[in-house]
Amino acid sequence: MDHDFWLQRWRDNQIGFHQPAVNAGLKRFWPRLAIAPGAGVFVPLCGKSRDLLWLAQQYRVMGLELSQKAVADFFTETRQQPREHEDGPFTVYSSGKVSLYCGDYFQLQPGTLEGVAAVYDRAGLIALPKAMRQRYVELLTRLLDPGVSMLLLSMDYQQAQMDGPPFAVASAEVKALFAAHWRIELLQRADILDQEPKFRARGLTYLKEKIYWLVRR
């Protein structure tokens, strides 16, 4: 899966993964992380998520997104006029407490995530095929300091029943990816197929959403 895949999805407005409302799991479980107001929060592969605005009520939010259209749409739809500057390989668009880094996640450099106290991953890990997920986690782990918390949302289903994205990421894979450097706690496991008829139409017989709290060791 390459950049062109995601860029074309945004150009064609094939963004069924976008949620028009703030994620319920974020609102329910984020307080468990006990992140200090004003701290930095990193949201990888953020799209134009409204979760960014919810987080920005209390924190400095750094989102990272490949598609410039997604970034532009976020600010247009939230009626903001961002400032723009370059930071290494990224173009950064900022307004208020939200800064969106437009570019390739895998070009993140040491220091870019300095000051980040927490990560919110709703659509990062599950957006990547299995071959890329280990690189994704290794880079994130390398760039973050011990003590950083993460709220991770994943989906688990029979991968043979549907092509991703979103991809199925089972609990065993989460453990394999993170356990060496992160403490892992499963906060919620729920079958959400009845709430997602589009996935039933694609052939799924179950769809489990799992929400984890991880802490960098």
N, C-alpha and C. Protein backbone atom coordinates (compact mmCIF):
# COMPACT_ATOMS: atom_id res chain seq x y z
N MET A 1 0.86 -1.20 0.00
CA MET A 1 0.00 0.00 0.00
C MET A 1 0.90 1.24 0.00
N ASP A 2 0.74 2.10 -1.00
CA ASP A 2 1.62 3.25 -1.12
C ASP A 2 0.85 4.55 -0.91
N HIS A 3 1.58 5.66 -1.00
CA HIS A 3 0.97 6.97 -0.78
C HIS A 3 -0.18 7.24 -1.73
N ASP A 4 -0.03 6.80 -2.98
CA ASP A 4 -1.05 7.12 -3.98
C ASP A 4 -2.41 6.54 -3.61
N PHE A 5 -2.42 5.41 -2.93
CA PHE A 5 -3.68 4.80 -2.53
C PHE A 5 -4.48 5.77 -1.67
N TRP A 6 -3.83 6.31 -0.61
CA TRP A 6 -4.54 7.20 0.31
C TRP A 6 -4.83 8.55 -0.32
N LEU A 7 -3.90 9.06 -1.10
CA LEU A 7 -4.14 10.35 -1.75
C LEU A 7 -5.33 10.26 -2.70
N GLN A 8 -5.45 9.13 -3.42
CA GLN A 8 -6.58 8.95 -4.33
C GLN A 8 -7.88 8.81 -3.56
N ARG A 9 -7.85 8.11 -2.43
CA ARG A 9 -9.06 7.98 -1.61
C ARG A 9 -9.59 9.36 -1.21
N TRP A 10 -8.69 10.26 -0.83
CA TRP A 10 -9.12 11.60 -0.44
C TRP A 10 -9.58 12.39 -1.65
N ARG A 11 -8.89 12.27 -2.77
CA ARG A 11 -9.31 12.98 -3.98
C ARG A 11 -10.70 12.54 -4.43
N ASP A 12 -10.98 11.24 -4.28
CA ASP A 12 -12.27 10.69 -4.72
C ASP A 12 -13.33 10.76 -3.63
N ASN A 13 -12.97 11.31 -2.49
CA ASN A 13 -13.88 11.40 -1.34
C ASN A 13 -14.36 10.03 -0.89
N GLN A 14 -13.51 9.03 -1.02
CA GLN A 14 -13.81 7.68 -0.53
C GLN A 14 -13.28 7.56 0.90
N ILE A 15 -13.97 8.22 1.80
CA ILE A 15 -13.47 8.34 3.17
C ILE A 15 -14.52 7.85 4.17
N GLY A 16 -14.98 6.62 3.92
CA GLY A 16 -15.94 6.03 4.83
C GLY A 16 -15.41 5.85 6.23
N PHE A 17 -14.08 5.90 6.38
CA PHE A 17 -13.46 5.79 7.70
C PHE A 17 -13.63 7.06 8.53
N HIS A 18 -13.98 8.17 7.88
CA HIS A 18 -14.11 9.43 8.61
C HIS A 18 -15.37 9.42 9.46
N GLN A 19 -15.25 9.79 10.73
CA GLN A 19 -16.39 9.89 11.62
C GLN A 19 -16.79 11.35 11.78
N PRO A 20 -18.06 11.69 11.53
CA PRO A 20 -18.48 13.09 11.64
C PRO A 20 -18.60 13.58 13.07
N ALA A 21 -18.62 12.66 14.04
CA ALA A 21 -18.73 13.03 15.45
C ALA A 21 -17.49 12.57 16.21
N VAL A 22 -17.30 13.12 17.39
CA VAL A 22 -16.18 12.73 18.23
C VAL A 22 -16.36 11.27 18.65
N ASN A 23 -15.28 10.52 18.61
CA ASN A 23 -15.32 9.10 18.92
C ASN A 23 -15.75 8.87 20.37
N ALA A 24 -16.72 7.96 20.56
CA ALA A 24 -17.25 7.71 21.90
C ALA A 24 -16.19 7.10 22.82
N GLY A 25 -15.34 6.24 22.28
CA GLY A 25 -14.29 5.64 23.09
C GLY A 25 -13.29 6.66 23.58
N LEU A 26 -12.98 7.64 22.74
CA LEU A 26 -12.10 8.72 23.16
C LEU A 26 -12.68 9.46 24.34
N LYS A 27 -13.93 9.85 24.26
CA LYS A 27 -14.56 10.61 25.33
C LYS A 27 -14.65 9.79 26.62
N ARG A 28 -14.91 8.50 26.48
CA ARG A 28 -15.08 7.67 27.67
C ARG A 28 -13.76 7.37 28.37
N PHE A 29 -12.73 7.04 27.59
CA PHE A 29 -11.52 6.49 28.20
C PHE A 29 -10.35 7.46 28.29
N TRP A 30 -10.37 8.55 27.55
CA TRP A 30 -9.23 9.46 27.61
C TRP A 30 -8.94 9.95 29.03
N PRO A 31 -9.95 10.26 29.84
CA PRO A 31 -9.64 10.72 31.21
C PRO A 31 -8.81 9.73 32.03
N ARG A 32 -8.86 8.44 31.68
CA ARG A 32 -8.06 7.44 32.40
C ARG A 32 -6.57 7.72 32.28
N LEU A 33 -6.16 8.38 31.19
CA LEU A 33 -4.75 8.63 30.98
C LEU A 33 -4.20 9.72 31.88
N ALA A 34 -5.09 10.57 32.41
CA ALA A 34 -4.72 11.64 33.36
C ALA A 34 -3.61 12.53 32.80
N ILE A 35 -3.80 13.01 31.58
CA ILE A 35 -2.82 13.89 30.94
C ILE A 35 -3.06 15.32 31.41
N ALA A 36 -1.99 16.01 31.79
CA ALA A 36 -2.11 17.36 32.33
C ALA A 36 -2.62 18.32 31.26
N PRO A 37 -3.53 19.21 31.61
CA PRO A 37 -3.99 20.23 30.65
C PRO A 37 -2.80 21.02 30.10
N GLY A 38 -2.86 21.30 28.81
CA GLY A 38 -1.78 22.03 28.16
C GLY A 38 -0.67 21.17 27.60
N ALA A 39 -0.70 19.87 27.91
CA ALA A 39 0.34 18.97 27.41
C ALA A 39 0.17 18.73 25.91
N GLY A 40 1.22 18.18 25.30
CA GLY A 40 1.18 17.88 23.87
C GLY A 40 0.60 16.50 23.61
N VAL A 41 -0.29 16.42 22.62
CA VAL A 41 -0.91 15.15 22.22
C VAL A 41 -0.66 14.94 20.73
N PHE A 42 -0.18 13.76 20.38
CA PHE A 42 0.12 13.42 18.99
C PHE A 42 -0.96 12.50 18.44
N VAL A 43 -1.48 12.85 17.24
CA VAL A 43 -2.52 12.06 16.59
C VAL A 43 -2.01 11.65 15.21
N PRO A 44 -1.46 10.44 15.08
CA PRO A 44 -0.93 10.01 13.77
C PRO A 44 -2.03 9.63 12.81
N LEU A 45 -1.80 9.89 11.52
CA LEU A 45 -2.73 9.56 10.44
C LEU A 45 -4.13 10.05 10.78
N CYS A 46 -4.21 11.34 11.06
CA CYS A 46 -5.39 11.93 11.70
C CYS A 46 -6.52 12.27 10.75
N GLY A 47 -6.27 12.34 9.43
CA GLY A 47 -7.32 12.77 8.52
C GLY A 47 -7.83 14.15 8.90
N LYS A 48 -9.15 14.31 8.86
CA LYS A 48 -9.76 15.58 9.26
C LYS A 48 -10.66 15.36 10.49
N SER A 49 -10.23 14.46 11.35
CA SER A 49 -11.04 14.00 12.46
C SER A 49 -11.48 15.13 13.39
N ARG A 50 -12.75 15.07 13.79
CA ARG A 50 -13.26 16.01 14.78
C ARG A 50 -12.69 15.74 16.17
N ASP A 51 -12.08 14.58 16.34
CA ASP A 51 -11.43 14.28 17.62
C ASP A 51 -10.34 15.29 17.92
N LEU A 52 -9.74 15.85 16.88
CA LEU A 52 -8.70 16.86 17.07
C LEU A 52 -9.23 18.06 17.84
N LEU A 53 -10.43 18.50 17.49
CA LEU A 53 -11.02 19.65 18.18
C LEU A 53 -11.35 19.33 19.62
N TRP A 54 -11.84 18.12 19.85
CA TRP A 54 -12.17 17.72 21.22
C TRP A 54 -10.91 17.73 22.10
N LEU A 55 -9.83 17.18 21.58
CA LEU A 55 -8.58 17.17 22.32
C LEU A 55 -8.03 18.58 22.53
N ALA A 56 -8.22 19.44 21.53
CA ALA A 56 -7.68 20.79 21.60
C ALA A 56 -8.38 21.67 22.64
N GLN A 57 -9.47 21.19 23.20
CA GLN A 57 -10.11 21.94 24.28
C GLN A 57 -9.21 22.00 25.51
N GLN A 58 -8.31 21.01 25.65
CA GLN A 58 -7.44 20.96 26.83
C GLN A 58 -5.96 20.88 26.52
N TYR A 59 -5.60 20.50 25.28
CA TYR A 59 -4.20 20.18 25.00
C TYR A 59 -3.69 20.88 23.75
N ARG A 60 -2.37 20.84 23.59
CA ARG A 60 -1.75 21.22 22.32
C ARG A 60 -1.73 19.98 21.44
N VAL A 61 -2.35 20.04 20.29
CA VAL A 61 -2.56 18.86 19.46
C VAL A 61 -1.70 18.93 18.21
N MET A 62 -0.94 17.87 17.99
CA MET A 62 -0.13 17.72 16.78
C MET A 62 -0.69 16.54 16.00
N GLY A 63 -1.31 16.81 14.87
CA GLY A 63 -1.78 15.74 14.00
C GLY A 63 -0.81 15.55 12.85
N LEU A 64 -0.77 14.34 12.33
CA LEU A 64 0.05 14.07 11.15
C LEU A 64 -0.82 13.39 10.11
N GLU A 65 -0.77 13.93 8.89
CA GLU A 65 -1.64 13.44 7.82
C GLU A 65 -0.92 13.55 6.48
N LEU A 66 -1.03 12.50 5.67
CA LEU A 66 -0.37 12.49 4.36
C LEU A 66 -1.05 13.41 3.36
N SER A 67 -2.39 13.45 3.38
CA SER A 67 -3.14 14.15 2.35
C SER A 67 -3.30 15.63 2.66
N GLN A 68 -2.81 16.47 1.76
CA GLN A 68 -2.99 17.91 1.93
C GLN A 68 -4.47 18.28 1.83
N LYS A 69 -5.23 17.54 1.04
CA LYS A 69 -6.67 17.80 0.94
C LYS A 69 -7.36 17.57 2.28
N ALA A 70 -6.98 16.49 2.97
CA ALA A 70 -7.57 16.23 4.28
C ALA A 70 -7.27 17.37 5.25
N VAL A 71 -6.03 17.85 5.22
CA VAL A 71 -5.65 18.96 6.09
C VAL A 71 -6.45 20.21 5.75
N ALA A 72 -6.53 20.54 4.46
CA ALA A 72 -7.28 21.72 4.04
C ALA A 72 -8.75 21.59 4.43
N ASP A 73 -9.31 20.40 4.24
CA ASP A 73 -10.72 20.19 4.58
C ASP A 73 -10.96 20.39 6.07
N PHE A 74 -10.03 19.95 6.90
CA PHE A 74 -10.21 20.12 8.34
C PHE A 74 -10.36 21.59 8.70
N PHE A 75 -9.48 22.41 8.20
CA PHE A 75 -9.53 23.82 8.55
C PHE A 75 -10.71 24.53 7.90
N THR A 76 -11.05 24.15 6.67
CA THR A 76 -12.22 24.74 6.02
C THR A 76 -13.50 24.40 6.77
N GLU A 77 -13.66 23.15 7.12
CA GLU A 77 -14.89 22.71 7.78
C GLU A 77 -15.01 23.21 9.21
N THR A 78 -13.89 23.56 9.82
CA THR A 78 -13.94 24.12 11.18
C THR A 78 -13.79 25.64 11.16
N ARG A 79 -13.86 26.21 9.96
CA ARG A 79 -13.85 27.66 9.77
C ARG A 79 -12.63 28.32 10.41
N GLN A 80 -11.47 27.78 10.09
CA GLN A 80 -10.21 28.33 10.59
C GLN A 80 -9.29 28.64 9.42
N GLN A 81 -8.48 29.66 9.58
CA GLN A 81 -7.49 30.04 8.59
C GLN A 81 -6.11 29.78 9.17
N PRO A 82 -5.47 28.65 8.82
CA PRO A 82 -4.22 28.29 9.48
C PRO A 82 -3.02 29.08 8.97
N ARG A 83 -2.04 29.19 9.84
CA ARG A 83 -0.72 29.67 9.44
C ARG A 83 0.04 28.49 8.85
N GLU A 84 1.00 28.77 8.01
CA GLU A 84 1.71 27.71 7.30
C GLU A 84 3.21 27.93 7.40
N HIS A 85 3.96 26.86 7.70
CA HIS A 85 5.42 26.93 7.67
C HIS A 85 5.98 25.54 7.36
N GLU A 86 7.25 25.51 7.05
CA GLU A 86 7.92 24.24 6.75
C GLU A 86 8.72 23.78 7.96
N ASP A 87 8.68 22.48 8.21
CA ASP A 87 9.47 21.87 9.29
C ASP A 87 10.07 20.59 8.74
N GLY A 88 11.31 20.67 8.25
CA GLY A 88 11.94 19.52 7.62
C GLY A 88 11.11 19.07 6.43
N PRO A 89 10.75 17.79 6.36
CA PRO A 89 9.99 17.28 5.22
C PRO A 89 8.50 17.57 5.28
N PHE A 90 8.06 18.27 6.32
CA PHE A 90 6.62 18.50 6.53
C PHE A 90 6.24 19.96 6.28
N THR A 91 5.04 20.14 5.74
CA THR A 91 4.39 21.45 5.75
C THR A 91 3.43 21.45 6.93
N VAL A 92 3.55 22.46 7.78
CA VAL A 92 2.78 22.50 9.03
C VAL A 92 1.72 23.59 8.93
N TYR A 93 0.48 23.23 9.21
CA TYR A 93 -0.64 24.16 9.21
C TYR A 93 -1.14 24.28 10.65
N SER A 94 -1.17 25.50 11.18
CA SER A 94 -1.49 25.70 12.58
C SER A 94 -2.57 26.75 12.77
N SER A 95 -3.47 26.46 13.70
CA SER A 95 -4.48 27.43 14.13
C SER A 95 -4.88 27.08 15.55
N GLY A 96 -4.80 28.07 16.43
CA GLY A 96 -5.13 27.81 17.82
C GLY A 96 -4.21 26.75 18.40
N LYS A 97 -4.78 25.72 19.00
CA LYS A 97 -3.99 24.67 19.63
C LYS A 97 -3.77 23.46 18.74
N VAL A 98 -4.14 23.56 17.47
CA VAL A 98 -3.99 22.44 16.54
C VAL A 98 -2.94 22.75 15.49
N SER A 99 -1.97 21.84 15.36
CA SER A 99 -0.98 21.92 14.29
C SER A 99 -1.00 20.60 13.52
N LEU A 100 -1.25 20.67 12.23
CA LEU A 100 -1.30 19.48 11.40
C LEU A 100 -0.06 19.43 10.51
N TYR A 101 0.69 18.36 10.66
CA TYR A 101 1.89 18.13 9.87
C TYR A 101 1.50 17.32 8.64
N CYS A 102 1.70 17.88 7.49
CA CYS A 102 1.32 17.22 6.24
C CYS A 102 2.55 16.57 5.63
N GLY A 103 2.52 15.24 5.54
CA GLY A 103 3.66 14.53 4.98
C GLY A 103 3.63 13.07 5.37
N ASP A 104 4.76 12.41 5.15
CA ASP A 104 4.89 10.97 5.35
C ASP A 104 5.28 10.67 6.79
N TYR A 105 4.45 9.91 7.48
CA TYR A 105 4.73 9.52 8.87
C TYR A 105 6.14 8.96 9.03
N PHE A 106 6.59 8.17 8.07
CA PHE A 106 7.87 7.49 8.20
C PHE A 106 9.07 8.42 8.00
N GLN A 107 8.80 9.69 7.76
CA GLN A 107 9.87 10.69 7.71
C GLN A 107 9.98 11.49 9.01
N LEU A 108 9.24 11.09 10.03
CA LEU A 108 9.38 11.74 11.33
C LEU A 108 10.82 11.62 11.82
N GLN A 109 11.34 12.70 12.40
CA GLN A 109 12.73 12.76 12.84
C GLN A 109 12.80 12.90 14.36
N PRO A 110 13.94 12.49 14.96
CA PRO A 110 14.12 12.71 16.40
C PRO A 110 13.91 14.19 16.73
N GLY A 111 13.16 14.45 17.77
CA GLY A 111 12.89 15.82 18.19
C GLY A 111 11.54 16.32 17.74
N THR A 112 10.99 15.74 16.66
CA THR A 112 9.70 16.23 16.16
C THR A 112 8.60 16.03 17.19
N LEU A 113 8.67 14.93 17.95
CA LEU A 113 7.64 14.64 18.96
C LEU A 113 8.07 15.06 20.36
N GLU A 114 9.06 15.89 20.45
CA GLU A 114 9.51 16.38 21.76
C GLU A 114 8.36 17.13 22.44
N GLY A 115 8.13 16.84 23.70
CA GLY A 115 7.06 17.49 24.44
C GLY A 115 5.73 16.78 24.36
N VAL A 116 5.65 15.70 23.57
CA VAL A 116 4.40 14.93 23.49
C VAL A 116 4.25 14.09 24.75
N ALA A 117 3.11 14.24 25.41
CA ALA A 117 2.82 13.48 26.63
C ALA A 117 1.91 12.29 26.37
N ALA A 118 1.19 12.32 25.25
CA ALA A 118 0.23 11.25 24.97
C ALA A 118 0.01 11.13 23.47
N VAL A 119 -0.42 9.94 23.06
CA VAL A 119 -0.74 9.64 21.67
C VAL A 119 -2.17 9.12 21.61
N TYR A 120 -2.90 9.57 20.63
CA TYR A 120 -4.24 9.06 20.37
C TYR A 120 -4.23 8.43 18.98
N ASP A 121 -4.36 7.11 18.93
CA ASP A 121 -4.33 6.38 17.65
C ASP A 121 -5.67 5.70 17.45
N ARG A 122 -6.52 6.35 16.66
CA ARG A 122 -7.79 5.74 16.29
C ARG A 122 -7.72 5.10 14.92
N ALA A 123 -6.92 5.67 14.02
CA ALA A 123 -6.94 5.22 12.63
C ALA A 123 -5.55 5.06 12.05
N GLY A 124 -4.54 4.95 12.91
CA GLY A 124 -3.18 4.80 12.43
C GLY A 124 -2.80 3.34 12.19
N LEU A 125 -2.74 2.58 13.27
CA LEU A 125 -2.30 1.19 13.17
C LEU A 125 -3.20 0.38 12.24
N ILE A 126 -4.50 0.56 12.35
CA ILE A 126 -5.43 -0.24 11.54
C ILE A 126 -5.49 0.20 10.08
N ALA A 127 -4.86 1.34 9.77
CA ALA A 127 -4.82 1.80 8.37
C ALA A 127 -3.70 1.14 7.59
N LEU A 128 -2.80 0.43 8.28
CA LEU A 128 -1.60 -0.09 7.64
C LEU A 128 -1.67 -1.60 7.48
N PRO A 129 -1.21 -2.12 6.35
CA PRO A 129 -1.13 -3.58 6.19
C PRO A 129 -0.08 -4.15 7.14
N LYS A 130 -0.17 -5.44 7.38
CA LYS A 130 0.67 -6.09 8.38
C LYS A 130 2.16 -5.82 8.16
N ALA A 131 2.60 -5.79 6.92
CA ALA A 131 4.02 -5.60 6.63
C ALA A 131 4.53 -4.24 7.10
N MET A 132 3.65 -3.26 7.26
CA MET A 132 4.07 -1.91 7.66
C MET A 132 3.85 -1.63 9.14
N ARG A 133 3.09 -2.46 9.82
CA ARG A 133 2.71 -2.12 11.20
C ARG A 133 3.90 -2.16 12.15
N GLN A 134 4.81 -3.09 11.96
CA GLN A 134 5.97 -3.15 12.86
C GLN A 134 6.84 -1.91 12.71
N ARG A 135 7.07 -1.46 11.47
CA ARG A 135 7.85 -0.23 11.24
C ARG A 135 7.17 0.96 11.91
N TYR A 136 5.86 1.01 11.80
CA TYR A 136 5.08 2.10 12.39
C TYR A 136 5.30 2.16 13.90
N VAL A 137 5.18 1.00 14.56
CA VAL A 137 5.33 0.96 16.02
C VAL A 137 6.78 1.21 16.43
N GLU A 138 7.71 0.65 15.71
CA GLU A 138 9.12 0.85 16.05
C GLU A 138 9.51 2.32 16.00
N LEU A 139 9.05 3.04 14.98
CA LEU A 139 9.38 4.46 14.88
C LEU A 139 8.73 5.25 16.00
N LEU A 140 7.48 4.98 16.28
CA LEU A 140 6.78 5.67 17.34
C LEU A 140 7.47 5.43 18.68
N THR A 141 7.84 4.21 18.94
CA THR A 141 8.52 3.86 20.20
C THR A 141 9.85 4.58 20.31
N ARG A 142 10.58 4.64 19.22
CA ARG A 142 11.90 5.26 19.23
C ARG A 142 11.82 6.76 19.49
N LEU A 143 10.77 7.40 19.03
CA LEU A 143 10.67 8.86 19.11
C LEU A 143 10.04 9.37 20.40
N LEU A 144 9.43 8.49 21.18
CA LEU A 144 8.72 8.92 22.38
C LEU A 144 9.50 8.60 23.65
N ASP A 145 9.32 9.45 24.65
CA ASP A 145 10.01 9.28 25.92
C ASP A 145 9.27 8.28 26.81
N PRO A 146 9.98 7.63 27.73
CA PRO A 146 9.31 6.80 28.74
C PRO A 146 8.26 7.62 29.49
N GLY A 147 7.15 6.98 29.81
CA GLY A 147 6.06 7.65 30.51
C GLY A 147 4.96 8.16 29.62
N VAL A 148 5.20 8.23 28.31
CA VAL A 148 4.16 8.68 27.39
C VAL A 148 3.05 7.63 27.33
N SER A 149 1.80 8.10 27.42
CA SER A 149 0.64 7.21 27.33
C SER A 149 0.06 7.22 25.92
N MET A 150 -0.63 6.15 25.60
CA MET A 150 -1.32 6.08 24.31
C MET A 150 -2.68 5.43 24.49
N LEU A 151 -3.70 6.03 23.86
CA LEU A 151 -5.01 5.40 23.72
C LEU A 151 -5.08 4.85 22.30
N LEU A 152 -5.16 3.53 22.19
CA LEU A 152 -5.12 2.84 20.90
C LEU A 152 -6.44 2.15 20.65
N LEU A 153 -7.07 2.47 19.52
CA LEU A 153 -8.30 1.80 19.09
C LEU A 153 -7.96 0.87 17.94
N SER A 154 -8.42 -0.37 18.04
CA SER A 154 -8.16 -1.32 16.97
C SER A 154 -9.44 -2.07 16.61
N MET A 155 -9.40 -2.74 15.47
CA MET A 155 -10.51 -3.57 15.03
C MET A 155 -10.00 -4.98 14.82
N ASP A 156 -10.85 -5.95 15.15
CA ASP A 156 -10.50 -7.35 14.97
C ASP A 156 -11.67 -8.05 14.27
N TYR A 157 -11.38 -8.71 13.18
CA TYR A 157 -12.37 -9.46 12.41
C TYR A 157 -11.64 -10.51 11.60
N GLN A 158 -12.38 -11.36 10.89
CA GLN A 158 -11.75 -12.35 10.03
C GLN A 158 -11.21 -11.64 8.78
N GLN A 159 -9.89 -11.47 8.72
CA GLN A 159 -9.30 -10.72 7.62
C GLN A 159 -9.66 -11.31 6.26
N ALA A 160 -9.85 -12.63 6.20
CA ALA A 160 -10.19 -13.28 4.93
C ALA A 160 -11.56 -12.87 4.42
N GLN A 161 -12.41 -12.33 5.30
CA GLN A 161 -13.76 -11.95 4.89
C GLN A 161 -13.82 -10.57 4.24
N MET A 162 -12.77 -9.77 4.42
CA MET A 162 -12.80 -8.40 3.88
C MET A 162 -11.39 -7.89 3.70
N ASP A 163 -11.16 -7.23 2.60
CA ASP A 163 -9.88 -6.55 2.42
C ASP A 163 -9.87 -5.27 3.24
N GLY A 164 -8.73 -4.95 3.83
CA GLY A 164 -8.59 -3.67 4.50
C GLY A 164 -8.21 -2.61 3.49
N PRO A 165 -8.08 -1.37 3.93
CA PRO A 165 -8.28 -0.91 5.29
C PRO A 165 -9.75 -0.65 5.62
N PRO A 166 -10.12 -0.61 6.92
CA PRO A 166 -9.25 -0.86 8.07
C PRO A 166 -8.88 -2.34 8.15
N PHE A 167 -7.67 -2.61 8.64
CA PHE A 167 -7.19 -3.96 8.75
C PHE A 167 -7.49 -4.53 10.13
N ALA A 168 -7.60 -5.86 10.18
CA ALA A 168 -7.79 -6.54 11.45
C ALA A 168 -6.46 -6.59 12.20
N VAL A 169 -6.50 -6.20 13.48
CA VAL A 169 -5.32 -6.28 14.33
C VAL A 169 -5.75 -6.98 15.63
N ALA A 170 -5.40 -8.24 15.75
CA ALA A 170 -5.82 -9.04 16.89
C ALA A 170 -5.01 -8.67 18.13
N SER A 171 -5.52 -9.06 19.29
CA SER A 171 -4.84 -8.76 20.56
C SER A 171 -3.43 -9.35 20.59
N ALA A 172 -3.28 -10.54 20.02
CA ALA A 172 -1.96 -11.17 20.01
C ALA A 172 -0.95 -10.32 19.24
N GLU A 173 -1.41 -9.68 18.16
CA GLU A 173 -0.49 -8.83 17.40
C GLU A 173 -0.17 -7.55 18.15
N VAL A 174 -1.16 -6.96 18.82
CA VAL A 174 -0.88 -5.78 19.64
C VAL A 174 0.19 -6.11 20.68
N LYS A 175 0.06 -7.27 21.32
CA LYS A 175 1.06 -7.67 22.31
C LYS A 175 2.43 -7.85 21.67
N ALA A 176 2.47 -8.51 20.52
CA ALA A 176 3.74 -8.73 19.84
C ALA A 176 4.41 -7.43 19.43
N LEU A 177 3.61 -6.45 19.01
CA LEU A 177 4.16 -5.18 18.55
C LEU A 177 4.65 -4.30 19.69
N PHE A 178 3.94 -4.32 20.82
CA PHE A 178 4.18 -3.33 21.85
C PHE A 178 4.80 -3.84 23.14
N ALA A 179 4.64 -5.11 23.46
CA ALA A 179 4.94 -5.58 24.82
C ALA A 179 6.38 -5.34 25.25
N ALA A 180 7.32 -5.33 24.33
CA ALA A 180 8.72 -5.18 24.72
C ALA A 180 9.01 -3.81 25.32
N HIS A 181 8.25 -2.79 24.91
CA HIS A 181 8.57 -1.43 25.35
C HIS A 181 7.38 -0.67 25.94
N TRP A 182 6.22 -1.30 25.98
CA TRP A 182 5.03 -0.62 26.47
C TRP A 182 4.28 -1.52 27.46
N ARG A 183 3.70 -0.90 28.47
CA ARG A 183 2.74 -1.60 29.31
C ARG A 183 1.39 -1.52 28.61
N ILE A 184 0.66 -2.64 28.56
CA ILE A 184 -0.58 -2.73 27.79
C ILE A 184 -1.74 -3.11 28.71
N GLU A 185 -2.83 -2.35 28.63
CA GLU A 185 -4.05 -2.69 29.35
C GLU A 185 -5.24 -2.59 28.39
N LEU A 186 -5.99 -3.67 28.28
CA LEU A 186 -7.20 -3.67 27.45
C LEU A 186 -8.33 -3.03 28.25
N LEU A 187 -8.88 -1.93 27.75
CA LEU A 187 -9.93 -1.22 28.45
C LEU A 187 -11.32 -1.66 28.03
N GLN A 188 -11.47 -2.03 26.77
CA GLN A 188 -12.80 -2.40 26.28
C GLN A 188 -12.70 -3.33 25.09
N ARG A 189 -13.60 -4.30 25.06
CA ARG A 189 -13.77 -5.18 23.90
C ARG A 189 -15.26 -5.24 23.61
N ALA A 190 -15.67 -4.86 22.41
CA ALA A 190 -17.09 -4.84 22.09
C ALA A 190 -17.30 -5.22 20.64
N ASP A 191 -18.33 -6.03 20.38
CA ASP A 191 -18.70 -6.34 19.01
C ASP A 191 -19.60 -5.21 18.50
N ILE A 192 -19.14 -4.52 17.47
CA ILE A 192 -19.84 -3.32 16.99
C ILE A 192 -20.43 -3.53 15.60
N LEU A 193 -20.57 -4.78 15.16
CA LEU A 193 -21.02 -5.02 13.79
C LEU A 193 -22.43 -4.47 13.56
N ASP A 194 -23.30 -4.56 14.57
CA ASP A 194 -24.65 -4.03 14.40
C ASP A 194 -24.67 -2.53 14.19
N GLN A 195 -23.61 -1.85 14.67
CA GLN A 195 -23.51 -0.40 14.50
C GLN A 195 -22.82 -0.02 13.20
N GLU A 196 -22.30 -1.01 12.49
CA GLU A 196 -21.53 -0.75 11.27
C GLU A 196 -22.06 -1.61 10.12
N PRO A 197 -23.28 -1.33 9.64
CA PRO A 197 -23.88 -2.18 8.59
C PRO A 197 -23.06 -2.24 7.31
N LYS A 198 -22.25 -1.22 7.05
CA LYS A 198 -21.45 -1.25 5.82
C LYS A 198 -20.44 -2.39 5.85
N PHE A 199 -19.97 -2.75 7.06
CA PHE A 199 -19.03 -3.86 7.16
C PHE A 199 -19.74 -5.20 7.08
N ARG A 200 -20.96 -5.28 7.61
CA ARG A 200 -21.74 -6.51 7.43
C ARG A 200 -22.01 -6.74 5.94
N ALA A 201 -22.28 -5.64 5.22
CA ALA A 201 -22.53 -5.75 3.78
C ALA A 201 -21.30 -6.22 3.02
N ARG A 202 -20.14 -5.99 3.59
CA ARG A 202 -18.89 -6.42 2.94
C ARG A 202 -18.53 -7.86 3.33
N GLY A 203 -19.37 -8.50 4.14
CA GLY A 203 -19.18 -9.91 4.41
C GLY A 203 -18.73 -10.29 5.80
N LEU A 204 -18.56 -9.31 6.69
CA LEU A 204 -18.09 -9.65 8.03
C LEU A 204 -19.17 -10.33 8.85
N THR A 205 -18.77 -11.30 9.66
CA THR A 205 -19.68 -11.98 10.57
C THR A 205 -19.52 -11.48 12.00
N TYR A 206 -18.41 -10.80 12.28
CA TYR A 206 -18.24 -10.10 13.55
C TYR A 206 -17.22 -8.99 13.35
N LEU A 207 -17.30 -7.98 14.20
CA LEU A 207 -16.36 -6.86 14.16
C LEU A 207 -16.17 -6.38 15.59
N LYS A 208 -15.01 -6.67 16.13
CA LYS A 208 -14.72 -6.30 17.51
C LYS A 208 -13.85 -5.04 17.55
N GLU A 209 -14.33 -4.06 18.29
CA GLU A 209 -13.51 -2.88 18.56
C GLU A 209 -12.84 -3.09 19.90
N LYS A 210 -11.53 -2.90 19.93
CA LYS A 210 -10.76 -3.04 21.16
C LYS A 210 -10.03 -1.73 21.44
N ILE A 211 -10.10 -1.31 22.69
CA ILE A 211 -9.47 -0.06 23.10
C ILE A 211 -8.44 -0.37 24.16
N TYR A 212 -7.22 0.08 23.92
CA TYR A 212 -6.10 -0.20 24.80
C TYR A 212 -5.54 1.09 25.39
N TRP A 213 -5.02 0.96 26.59
CA TRP A 213 -4.20 2.01 27.21
C TRP A 213 -2.78 1.47 27.30
N LEU A 214 -1.87 2.16 26.67
CA LEU A 214 -0.47 1.76 26.68
C LEU A 214 0.38 2.85 27.31
N VAL A 215 1.44 2.44 27.98
CA VAL A 215 2.37 3.39 28.58
C VAL A 215 3.79 2.99 28.17
N ARG A 216 4.51 3.93 27.61
CA ARG A 216 5.89 3.69 27.16
C ARG A 216 6.78 3.47 28.38
N ARG A 217 7.50 2.34 28.38
CA ARG A 217 8.41 2.05 29.47
C ARG A 217 9.76 2.70 29.28
